[in-house]
Amino acid sequence: MSGFIAIEGVIGVGKTTLTHALAERLEAGIVLEAVEENPFLAQFYKDRAR
């Protein structure tokens, strides 16, 4: 059986850590988002209190 698992959440909650743990446990590959191309991160880090 094959398929995909999508993991999403707010910044800093451990998505990448969970992804790596699942990949190891399931012997699966990982496809990560290219954060350099995310147009929203600069605005987030500019005003974290919001």
PDB file of N, CA and C in Angstrom:
ATOM      1  N   MET A   1       0.851  -1.183   0.000  1.00  0.00           N
ATOM      2  CA  MET A   1       0.000   0.000   0.000  1.00  0.00           C
ATOM      3  C   MET A   1       0.890   1.237   0.000  1.00  0.00           C
ATOM      4  N   SER A   2       0.572   2.209  -0.819  1.00  0.00           N
ATOM      5  CA  SER A   2       1.351   3.445  -0.840  1.00  0.00           C
ATOM      6  C   SER A   2       0.403   4.627  -0.748  1.00  0.00           C
ATOM      7  N   GLY A   3       0.942   5.744  -0.355  1.00  0.00           N
ATOM      8  CA  GLY A   3       0.134   6.943  -0.219  1.00  0.00           C
ATOM      9  C   GLY A   3       0.975   8.089   0.286  1.00  0.00           C
ATOM     10  N   PHE A   4       0.306   9.128   0.692  1.00  0.00           N
ATOM     11  CA  PHE A   4       0.973  10.322   1.182  1.00  0.00           C
ATOM     12  C   PHE A   4       0.408  10.692   2.543  1.00  0.00           C
ATOM     13  N   ILE A   5       1.242  11.271   3.373  1.00  0.00           N
ATOM     14  CA  ILE A   5       0.817  11.846   4.645  1.00  0.00           C
ATOM     15  C   ILE A   5       1.230  13.307   4.604  1.00  0.00           C
ATOM     16  N   ALA A   6       0.283  14.202   4.801  1.00  0.00           N
ATOM     17  CA  ALA A   6       0.578  15.635   4.835  1.00  0.00           C
ATOM     18  C   ALA A   6       0.547  16.096   6.287  1.00  0.00           C
ATOM     19  N   ILE A   7       1.556  16.852   6.670  1.00  0.00           N
ATOM     20  CA  ILE A   7       1.641  17.382   8.029  1.00  0.00           C
ATOM     21  C   ILE A   7       1.674  18.895   7.918  1.00  0.00           C
ATOM     22  N   GLU A   8       0.785  19.551   8.636  1.00  0.00           N
ATOM     23  CA  GLU A   8       0.765  21.005   8.603  1.00  0.00           C
ATOM     24  C   GLU A   8       0.526  21.556   9.997  1.00  0.00           C
ATOM     25  N   GLY A   9       0.911  22.792  10.183  1.00  0.00           N
ATOM     26  CA  GLY A   9       0.730  23.439  11.473  1.00  0.00           C
ATOM     27  C   GLY A   9       1.471  24.761  11.494  1.00  0.00           C
ATOM     28  N   VAL A  10       1.314  25.477  12.567  1.00  0.00           N
ATOM     29  CA  VAL A  10       1.957  26.789  12.687  1.00  0.00           C
ATOM     30  C   VAL A  10       3.460  26.625  12.891  1.00  0.00           C
ATOM     31  N   ILE A  11       4.172  27.694  12.724  1.00  0.00           N
ATOM     32  CA  ILE A  11       5.628  27.689  12.831  1.00  0.00           C
ATOM     33  C   ILE A  11       6.057  27.287  14.243  1.00  0.00           C
ATOM     34  N   GLY A  12       7.017  26.382  14.307  1.00  0.00           N
ATOM     35  CA  GLY A  12       7.627  26.023  15.581  1.00  0.00           C
ATOM     36  C   GLY A  12       6.945  24.934  16.391  1.00  0.00           C
ATOM     37  N   VAL A  13       5.981  24.212  15.817  1.00  0.00           N
ATOM     38  CA  VAL A  13       5.282  23.187  16.602  1.00  0.00           C
ATOM     39  C   VAL A  13       5.890  21.793  16.482  1.00  0.00           C
ATOM     40  N   GLY A  14       6.888  21.635  15.607  1.00  0.00           N
ATOM     41  CA  GLY A  14       7.549  20.336  15.496  1.00  0.00           C
ATOM     42  C   GLY A  14       7.174  19.519  14.278  1.00  0.00           C
ATOM     43  N   LYS A  15       6.692  20.173  13.237  1.00  0.00           N
ATOM     44  CA  LYS A  15       6.303  19.461  12.019  1.00  0.00           C
ATOM     45  C   LYS A  15       7.466  18.697  11.407  1.00  0.00           C
ATOM     46  N   THR A  16       8.620  19.316  11.322  1.00  0.00           N
ATOM     47  CA  THR A  16       9.784  18.662  10.716  1.00  0.00           C
ATOM     48  C   THR A  16      10.264  17.505  11.582  1.00  0.00           C
ATOM     49  N   THR A  17      10.265  17.686  12.890  1.00  0.00           N
ATOM     50  CA  THR A  17      10.660  16.613  13.803  1.00  0.00           C
ATOM     51  C   THR A  17       9.723  15.420  13.654  1.00  0.00           C
ATOM     52  N   LEU A  18       8.426  15.673  13.621  1.00  0.00           N
ATOM     53  CA  LEU A  18       7.441  14.612  13.437  1.00  0.00           C
ATOM     54  C   LEU A  18       7.619  13.935  12.084  1.00  0.00           C
ATOM     55  N   THR A  19       7.858  14.725  11.055  1.00  0.00           N
ATOM     56  CA  THR A  19       8.058  14.182   9.710  1.00  0.00           C
ATOM     57  C   THR A  19       9.226  13.213   9.674  1.00  0.00           C
ATOM     58  N   HIS A  20      10.338  13.604  10.257  1.00  0.00           N
ATOM     59  CA  HIS A  20      11.517  12.726  10.270  1.00  0.00           C
ATOM     60  C   HIS A  20      11.263  11.459  11.088  1.00  0.00           C
ATOM     61  N   ALA A  21      10.565  11.587  12.207  1.00  0.00           N
ATOM     62  CA  ALA A  21      10.261  10.415  13.031  1.00  0.00           C
ATOM     63  C   ALA A  21       9.345   9.446  12.286  1.00  0.00           C
ATOM     64  N   LEU A  22       8.329   9.975  11.617  1.00  0.00           N
ATOM     65  CA  LEU A  22       7.423   9.121  10.849  1.00  0.00           C
ATOM     66  C   LEU A  22       8.137   8.452   9.684  1.00  0.00           C
ATOM     67  N   ALA A  23       8.966   9.209   8.995  1.00  0.00           N
ATOM     68  CA  ALA A  23       9.692   8.654   7.852  1.00  0.00           C
ATOM     69  C   ALA A  23      10.588   7.498   8.282  1.00  0.00           C
ATOM     70  N   GLU A  24      11.242   7.662   9.415  1.00  0.00           N
ATOM     71  CA  GLU A  24      12.105   6.593   9.918  1.00  0.00           C
ATOM     72  C   GLU A  24      11.274   5.368  10.305  1.00  0.00           C
ATOM     73  N   ARG A  25      10.203   5.611  11.008  1.00  0.00           N
ATOM     74  CA  ARG A  25       9.348   4.508  11.479  1.00  0.00           C
ATOM     75  C   ARG A  25       8.683   3.767  10.320  1.00  0.00           C
ATOM     76  N   LEU A  26       8.240   4.521   9.306  1.00  0.00           N
ATOM     77  CA  LEU A  26       7.518   3.930   8.177  1.00  0.00           C
ATOM     78  C   LEU A  26       8.429   3.567   7.010  1.00  0.00           C
ATOM     79  N   GLU A  27       9.721   3.854   7.171  1.00  0.00           N
ATOM     80  CA  GLU A  27      10.690   3.640   6.086  1.00  0.00           C
ATOM     81  C   GLU A  27      10.206   4.318   4.807  1.00  0.00           C
ATOM     82  N   ALA A  28       9.908   5.594   4.931  1.00  0.00           N
ATOM     83  CA  ALA A  28       9.328   6.375   3.841  1.00  0.00           C
ATOM     84  C   ALA A  28      10.221   7.550   3.478  1.00  0.00           C
ATOM     85  N   GLY A  29       9.972   8.114   2.324  1.00  0.00           N
ATOM     86  CA  GLY A  29      10.687   9.306   1.885  1.00  0.00           C
ATOM     87  C   GLY A  29      10.021  10.562   2.419  1.00  0.00           C
ATOM     88  N   ILE A  30      10.730  11.663   2.307  1.00  0.00           N
ATOM     89  CA  ILE A  30      10.243  12.953   2.800  1.00  0.00           C
ATOM     90  C   ILE A  30      10.300  13.977   1.671  1.00  0.00           C
ATOM     91  N   VAL A  31       9.254  14.788   1.566  1.00  0.00           N
ATOM     92  CA  VAL A  31       9.241  15.942   0.671  1.00  0.00           C
ATOM     93  C   VAL A  31       8.916  17.147   1.544  1.00  0.00           C
ATOM     94  N   LEU A  32       9.883  18.036   1.724  1.00  0.00           N
ATOM     95  CA  LEU A  32       9.686  19.215   2.566  1.00  0.00           C
ATOM     96  C   LEU A  32       9.408  20.447   1.716  1.00  0.00           C
ATOM     97  N   GLU A  33       8.684  21.388   2.284  1.00  0.00           N
ATOM     98  CA  GLU A  33       8.408  22.655   1.622  1.00  0.00           C
ATOM     99  C   GLU A  33       9.694  23.474   1.532  1.00  0.00           C
ATOM    100  N   ALA A  34       9.880  24.141   0.413  1.00  0.00           N
ATOM    101  CA  ALA A  34      11.031  25.035   0.249  1.00  0.00           C
ATOM    102  C   ALA A  34      10.711  26.352   0.956  1.00  0.00           C
ATOM    103  N   VAL A  35      11.183  26.509   2.190  1.00  0.00           N
ATOM    104  CA  VAL A  35      10.821  27.689   2.984  1.00  0.00           C
ATOM    105  C   VAL A  35      11.369  28.983   2.402  1.00  0.00           C
ATOM    106  N   GLU A  36      12.430  28.888   1.620  1.00  0.00           N
ATOM    107  CA  GLU A  36      12.990  30.095   1.009  1.00  0.00           C
ATOM    108  C   GLU A  36      11.989  30.746   0.058  1.00  0.00           C
ATOM    109  N   GLU A  37      11.058  29.965  -0.457  1.00  0.00           N
ATOM    110  CA  GLU A  37      10.087  30.464  -1.426  1.00  0.00           C
ATOM    111  C   GLU A  37       8.756  30.839  -0.779  1.00  0.00           C
ATOM    112  N   ASN A  38       8.643  30.749   0.534  1.00  0.00           N
ATOM    113  CA  ASN A  38       7.399  31.054   1.229  1.00  0.00           C
ATOM    114  C   ASN A  38       7.285  32.565   1.423  1.00  0.00           C
ATOM    115  N   PRO A  39       6.310  33.207   0.764  1.00  0.00           N
ATOM    116  CA  PRO A  39       6.195  34.669   0.840  1.00  0.00           C
ATOM    117  C   PRO A  39       5.656  35.179   2.176  1.00  0.00           C
ATOM    118  N   PHE A  40       5.180  34.300   3.038  1.00  0.00           N
ATOM    119  CA  PHE A  40       4.561  34.716   4.294  1.00  0.00           C
ATOM    120  C   PHE A  40       5.519  34.744   5.477  1.00  0.00           C
ATOM    121  N   LEU A  41       6.636  34.065   5.393  1.00  0.00           N
ATOM    122  CA  LEU A  41       7.542  33.968   6.538  1.00  0.00           C
ATOM    123  C   LEU A  41       8.139  35.307   6.947  1.00  0.00           C
ATOM    124  N   ALA A  42       8.517  36.121   5.995  1.00  0.00           N
ATOM    125  CA  ALA A  42       9.110  37.424   6.331  1.00  0.00           C
ATOM    126  C   ALA A  42       8.135  38.261   7.154  1.00  0.00           C
ATOM    127  N   GLN A  43       6.868  38.273   6.766  1.00  0.00           N
ATOM    128  CA  GLN A  43       5.862  39.031   7.510  1.00  0.00           C
ATOM    129  C   GLN A  43       5.649  38.441   8.905  1.00  0.00           C
ATOM    130  N   PHE A  44       5.680  37.118   9.016  1.00  0.00           N
ATOM    131  CA  PHE A  44       5.508  36.477  10.321  1.00  0.00           C
ATOM    132  C   PHE A  44       6.626  36.879  11.270  1.00  0.00           C
ATOM    133  N   TYR A  45       7.856  36.769  10.822  1.00  0.00           N
ATOM    134  CA  TYR A  45       8.987  37.081  11.690  1.00  0.00           C
ATOM    135  C   TYR A  45       9.098  38.573  11.977  1.00  0.00           C
ATOM    136  N   LYS A  46       8.504  39.389  11.140  1.00  0.00           N
ATOM    137  CA  LYS A  46       8.529  40.833  11.336  1.00  0.00           C
ATOM    138  C   LYS A  46       7.673  41.228  12.549  1.00  0.00           C
ATOM    139  N   ASP A  47       6.560  40.529  12.780  1.00  0.00           N
ATOM    140  CA  ASP A  47       5.635  40.875  13.859  1.00  0.00           C
ATOM    141  C   ASP A  47       5.172  39.603  14.573  1.00  0.00           C
ATOM    142  N   ARG A  48       6.053  38.981  15.343  1.00  0.00           N
ATOM    143  CA  ARG A  48       5.746  37.706  16.007  1.00  0.00           C
ATOM    144  C   ARG A  48       4.656  37.829  17.069  1.00  0.00           C
ATOM    145  N   ALA A  49       4.530  38.981  17.693  1.00  0.00           N
ATOM    146  CA  ALA A  49       3.554  39.145  18.771  1.00  0.00           C
ATOM    147  C   ALA A  49       2.124  39.008  18.272  1.00  0.00           C
ATOM    148  N   ARG A  50       1.910  39.332  17.038  1.00  0.00           N
ATOM    149  CA  ARG A  50       0.570  39.230  16.461  1.00  0.00           C
ATOM    150  C   ARG A  50       0.225  37.811  16.308  1.00  0.00           C
TER     151      ARG A  50
END
